[in-house]
């Protein structure tokens, strides 16, 4: 096949860990190790992946000999979502750095405030094809849209109750970072004003994390803002389809 590069946000680290751990075609996983990828590495190690390699610089990456499918992973910091231009620049730089080492790139992102409306054009300097999770004829709106199953269902839940805060597994783990300076720099008082009109926390459950763990992780959040907790079933199908499409491309260039 070839080498597939993955660039993803910390929020989707568990989904990619699960994807990589269950695909028997993946013979080696190389992760660019830093504080952003620490949780992804821990998740892969917990899944007992013996084909995991860590590098601290892309200069240290050496493709394996005669490996059918190899993956090179970079995890970008959550704070990039703060501003559209910041996210775009972060991805441009990462794609440019990864491009010379891979045959294609897969993104763990959606439109994200239209920052990735034209991903292939934005990341053209990578010099390789770019694959982004798609919702019919457009990229998914964001990580919520990816795991809830697309825009129609996302919008349907918003119409049902406008005051909804959507919680996917990664958000239940990282939500406290909304109060950090690098991300949102929200004081508790400011946050309570911001969430004044929210009524529920909607947990989007997938096989990546048990419902019990999601509930435990988000308990303090719901209590802090006085939200009731509800649950809906999520899906990994869009992410899987994107993964399969990227793999098919690698197969095609080696036929």
Protein backbone atom coordinates (compact mmCIF):
# COMPACT_ATOMS: atom_id res chain seq x y z
CA UNK A 1 0.00 0.00 0.00
CA UNK A 2 2.20 2.82 1.26
CA UNK A 3 2.49 5.37 4.04
CA UNK A 4 -0.59 7.19 5.27
CA UNK A 5 -0.14 10.34 7.30
CA UNK A 6 -2.73 11.29 9.90
CA UNK A 7 -3.17 14.80 11.30
CA UNK A 8 -5.78 15.03 13.99
CA UNK A 9 -6.93 17.14 16.90
CA UNK A 10 -6.53 15.83 20.45
CA UNK A 11 -10.33 15.51 20.67
CA UNK A 12 -10.32 12.56 18.23
CA UNK A 13 -7.24 10.78 19.60
CA UNK A 14 -9.23 7.83 20.98
CA UNK A 15 -11.12 7.29 17.73
CA UNK A 16 -7.87 7.10 15.78
CA UNK A 17 -6.28 4.84 18.40
CA UNK A 18 -9.19 2.44 18.02
CA UNK A 19 -9.07 2.63 14.23
CA UNK A 20 -5.35 1.90 14.07
CA UNK A 21 -5.48 -0.85 16.67
CA UNK A 22 -8.19 -2.83 14.91
CA UNK A 23 -6.97 -2.68 11.30
CA UNK A 24 -4.77 -5.70 10.68
CA UNK A 25 -3.37 -4.11 7.50
CA UNK A 26 -1.49 -1.58 9.63
CA UNK A 27 1.93 -3.09 10.22
CA UNK A 28 3.62 -0.12 11.89
CA UNK A 29 2.37 3.01 13.64
CA UNK A 30 4.80 5.88 14.11
CA UNK A 31 3.65 8.74 16.33
CA UNK A 32 5.31 12.13 16.58
CA UNK A 33 5.70 12.24 20.34
CA UNK A 34 4.93 15.41 22.26
CA UNK A 35 2.50 16.50 24.96
CA UNK A 36 -0.37 16.61 22.44
CA UNK A 37 0.08 12.97 21.42
CA UNK A 38 0.62 11.58 24.93
CA UNK A 39 -2.97 10.41 25.38
CA UNK A 40 -3.06 8.81 21.92
CA UNK A 41 0.16 6.91 22.67
CA UNK A 42 -1.23 5.77 26.03
CA UNK A 43 -4.41 4.57 24.32
CA UNK A 44 -2.43 2.58 21.74
CA UNK A 45 -0.27 1.07 24.46
CA UNK A 46 -3.36 0.09 26.45
CA UNK A 47 -4.58 -1.75 23.37
CA UNK A 48 -1.29 -3.67 23.45
CA UNK A 49 -0.05 -2.50 20.08
CA UNK A 50 3.45 -3.94 19.62
CA UNK A 51 3.98 -2.14 16.31
CA UNK A 52 4.07 1.32 17.85
CA UNK A 53 7.11 3.52 17.37
CA UNK A 54 7.69 6.96 18.85
CA UNK A 55 9.79 9.70 17.32
CA UNK A 56 10.47 13.19 18.63
CA UNK A 57 11.19 14.69 15.21
CA UNK A 58 10.09 13.92 11.67
CA UNK A 59 13.77 13.82 10.76
CA UNK A 60 13.91 10.56 12.71
CA UNK A 61 11.22 8.90 10.59
CA UNK A 62 12.49 6.06 8.42
CA UNK A 63 9.99 4.07 6.37
CA UNK A 64 9.90 0.37 7.14
CA UNK A 65 11.15 -2.03 4.51
CA UNK A 66 8.41 -3.83 2.58
CA UNK A 67 5.62 -2.86 4.99
CA UNK A 68 2.21 -3.01 3.25
CA UNK A 69 0.62 -0.20 5.26
CA UNK A 70 2.46 2.16 7.55
CA UNK A 71 0.96 5.11 9.39
CA UNK A 72 2.64 8.31 10.53
CA UNK A 73 0.59 10.27 13.07
CA UNK A 74 0.72 13.85 14.27
CA UNK A 75 -1.62 15.23 16.94
CA UNK A 76 -2.24 18.97 16.90
CA UNK A 77 -3.11 20.93 19.99
CA UNK A 78 -6.70 21.63 20.92
CA UNK A 79 -6.07 25.37 21.21
CA UNK A 80 -5.83 25.72 17.43
CA UNK A 81 -9.64 25.71 17.32
CA UNK A 82 -9.66 29.12 18.98
CA UNK A 83 -9.38 31.00 15.70
CA UNK A 84 -9.98 30.00 12.10
CA UNK A 85 -6.65 31.43 10.88
CA UNK A 86 -4.74 29.74 13.71
CA UNK A 87 -6.17 26.33 12.83
CA UNK A 88 -5.49 26.85 9.14
CA UNK A 89 -1.90 27.89 9.71
CA UNK A 90 -1.27 25.03 12.10
CA UNK A 91 -2.56 22.51 9.58
CA UNK A 92 -0.67 24.09 6.68
CA UNK A 93 2.60 23.84 8.60
CA UNK A 94 1.93 20.27 9.74
CA UNK A 95 0.88 19.11 6.28
CA UNK A 96 3.92 20.71 4.71
CA UNK A 97 6.16 18.90 7.20
CA UNK A 98 4.42 15.53 6.81
CA UNK A 99 4.04 15.64 3.02
CA UNK A 100 7.57 14.53 2.04
CA UNK A 101 7.25 11.43 4.26
CA UNK A 102 3.82 10.08 3.23
CA UNK A 103 1.81 9.07 0.17
CA UNK A 104 -1.46 10.62 1.39
CA UNK A 105 -2.86 12.54 4.34
CA UNK A 106 -6.01 11.84 6.33
CA UNK A 107 -7.40 14.61 8.54
CA UNK A 108 -9.16 14.23 11.86
CA UNK A 109 -11.04 17.47 11.28
CA UNK A 110 -14.23 18.77 9.71
CA UNK A 111 -15.16 22.22 8.44
CA UNK A 112 -14.42 23.60 11.92
CA UNK A 113 -15.93 27.03 11.35
CA UNK A 114 -15.19 26.81 7.60
CA UNK A 115 -11.45 26.66 8.26
CA UNK A 116 -11.34 23.54 6.09
CA UNK A 117 -13.93 24.37 3.47
CA UNK A 118 -11.40 23.53 0.73
CA UNK A 119 -8.86 21.21 2.40
CA UNK A 120 -7.05 20.08 -0.77
CA UNK A 121 -6.53 23.70 -1.81
CA UNK A 122 -5.54 24.83 1.68
CA UNK A 123 -3.00 22.05 2.09
CA UNK A 124 -1.69 21.97 -1.46
CA UNK A 125 1.89 22.45 -0.23
CA UNK A 126 1.76 18.95 1.26
CA UNK A 127 2.11 17.63 -2.29
CA UNK A 128 -0.02 14.55 -1.61
CA UNK A 129 -3.78 13.80 -1.73
CA UNK A 130 -5.75 14.92 1.33
CA UNK A 131 -8.70 12.96 2.71
CA UNK A 132 -11.18 14.57 5.11
CA UNK A 133 -14.32 13.01 6.66
CA UNK A 134 -17.22 13.74 4.33
CA UNK A 135 -20.95 14.18 4.98
CA UNK A 136 -22.37 13.45 1.53
CA UNK A 137 -20.95 16.25 -0.69
CA UNK A 138 -19.22 18.34 1.96
CA UNK A 139 -16.82 17.83 4.87
CA UNK A 140 -18.47 17.08 8.21
CA UNK A 141 -19.13 20.22 10.21
CA UNK A 142 -16.77 19.31 13.06
CA UNK A 143 -15.92 16.47 15.44
CA UNK A 144 -19.52 16.45 16.73
CA UNK A 145 -20.93 16.15 13.22
CA UNK A 146 -18.45 13.36 12.53
CA UNK A 147 -19.53 11.20 15.46
CA UNK A 148 -23.23 12.04 15.55
CA UNK A 149 -23.62 10.91 11.95
CA UNK A 150 -23.72 14.10 9.91
CA UNK A 151 -25.36 17.51 9.60
CA UNK A 152 -28.98 16.36 9.44
CA UNK A 153 -28.86 14.60 12.79
CA UNK A 154 -26.66 17.31 14.31
CA UNK A 155 -29.16 19.98 13.28
CA UNK A 156 -32.07 17.83 14.40
CA UNK A 157 -30.74 17.68 17.96
CA UNK A 158 -30.14 21.44 17.95
CA UNK A 159 -33.71 22.02 16.79
CA UNK A 160 -35.02 19.72 19.48
CA UNK A 161 -33.26 21.81 22.13
CA UNK A 162 -31.16 24.83 21.21
CA UNK A 163 -29.51 24.85 24.64
CA UNK A 164 -27.55 21.66 24.02
CA UNK A 165 -23.86 21.11 24.68
CA UNK A 166 -22.67 18.11 22.69
CA UNK A 167 -20.22 15.76 24.39
CA UNK A 168 -18.23 13.18 22.43
CA UNK A 169 -15.68 10.98 24.27
CA UNK A 170 -12.79 13.38 23.68
CA UNK A 171 -14.74 16.35 24.99
CA UNK A 172 -15.62 14.51 28.20
CA UNK A 173 -11.89 13.98 28.73
CA UNK A 174 -10.66 17.47 27.74
CA UNK A 175 -13.54 19.78 28.72
CA UNK A 176 -11.67 21.39 31.64
CA UNK A 177 -9.19 22.83 29.17
CA UNK A 178 -11.86 25.31 28.09
CA UNK A 179 -10.79 27.24 31.16
CA UNK A 180 -7.10 27.30 30.28
CA UNK A 181 -5.50 30.42 28.90
CA UNK A 182 -4.28 28.69 25.72
CA UNK A 183 -7.75 27.47 24.86
CA UNK A 184 -10.57 29.64 26.13
CA UNK A 185 -9.20 31.46 29.17
CA UNK A 186 -12.65 31.33 30.76
CA UNK A 187 -13.15 32.15 34.41
CA UNK A 188 -15.86 30.08 36.13
CA UNK A 189 -18.02 33.21 36.36
CA UNK A 190 -17.61 34.00 32.68
CA UNK A 191 -18.30 30.37 31.77
CA UNK A 192 -21.52 30.34 33.77
CA UNK A 193 -22.72 33.44 31.92
CA UNK A 194 -21.77 31.78 28.63
CA UNK A 195 -23.70 28.62 29.46
CA UNK A 196 -26.62 30.45 31.06
CA UNK A 197 -29.13 29.34 28.42
CA UNK A 198 -27.88 25.76 28.06
CA UNK A 199 -30.15 23.07 29.45
CA UNK A 200 -28.63 19.71 28.62
CA UNK A 201 -25.38 17.91 28.05
CA UNK A 202 -25.88 15.39 25.25
CA UNK A 203 -23.45 12.47 25.43
CA UNK A 204 -22.77 10.97 22.01
CA UNK A 205 -21.94 7.39 22.83
CA UNK A 206 -19.63 5.28 20.64
CA UNK A 207 -17.67 2.05 21.26
CA UNK A 208 -14.51 4.13 21.84
CA UNK A 209 -15.46 4.90 25.45
CA UNK A 210 -17.99 3.27 27.73
CA UNK A 211 -21.07 5.28 28.61
CA UNK A 212 -20.19 4.92 32.28
CA UNK A 213 -16.80 6.54 31.71
CA UNK A 214 -18.33 9.35 29.66
CA UNK A 215 -20.85 10.02 32.42
CA UNK A 216 -18.15 10.04 35.07
CA UNK A 217 -15.88 12.33 33.03
CA UNK A 218 -18.66 14.84 32.35
CA UNK A 219 -20.38 14.75 35.75
CA UNK A 220 -18.60 17.84 37.09
CA UNK A 221 -19.32 19.75 33.87
CA UNK A 222 -23.05 19.10 34.09
CA UNK A 223 -23.14 19.96 37.78
CA UNK A 224 -21.13 23.16 37.26
CA UNK A 225 -23.61 24.51 34.72
CA UNK A 226 -26.76 22.86 36.05
CA UNK A 227 -27.33 20.73 32.96
CA UNK A 228 -29.33 17.55 32.74
CA UNK A 229 -27.59 14.69 30.99
CA UNK A 230 -29.05 12.85 28.04
CA UNK A 231 -27.55 10.22 25.76
CA UNK A 232 -27.76 9.51 22.04
CA UNK A 233 -26.06 6.84 19.98
CA UNK A 234 -23.14 7.97 17.86
CA UNK A 235 -21.32 6.32 14.98
CA UNK A 236 -17.80 5.69 13.74
CA UNK A 237 -18.99 4.96 10.20
CA UNK A 238 -17.97 8.30 8.61
CA UNK A 239 -14.46 8.05 10.05
CA UNK A 240 -14.22 4.44 8.90
CA UNK A 241 -15.37 5.37 5.39
CA UNK A 242 -12.71 8.07 5.18
CA UNK A 243 -10.07 5.61 6.35
CA UNK A 244 -11.18 3.04 3.77
CA UNK A 245 -11.13 5.64 0.99
CA UNK A 246 -7.59 6.68 1.89
CA UNK A 247 -6.48 3.04 1.92
CA UNK A 248 -8.11 2.43 -1.46
CA UNK A 249 -6.14 5.35 -2.86
CA UNK A 250 -2.88 3.88 -1.56
CA UNK A 251 -3.78 0.56 -3.14
CA UNK A 252 -4.53 2.21 -6.47
CA UNK A 253 -1.17 3.96 -6.73
CA UNK A 254 0.65 0.69 -6.11
CA UNK A 255 -1.35 -1.45 -8.55
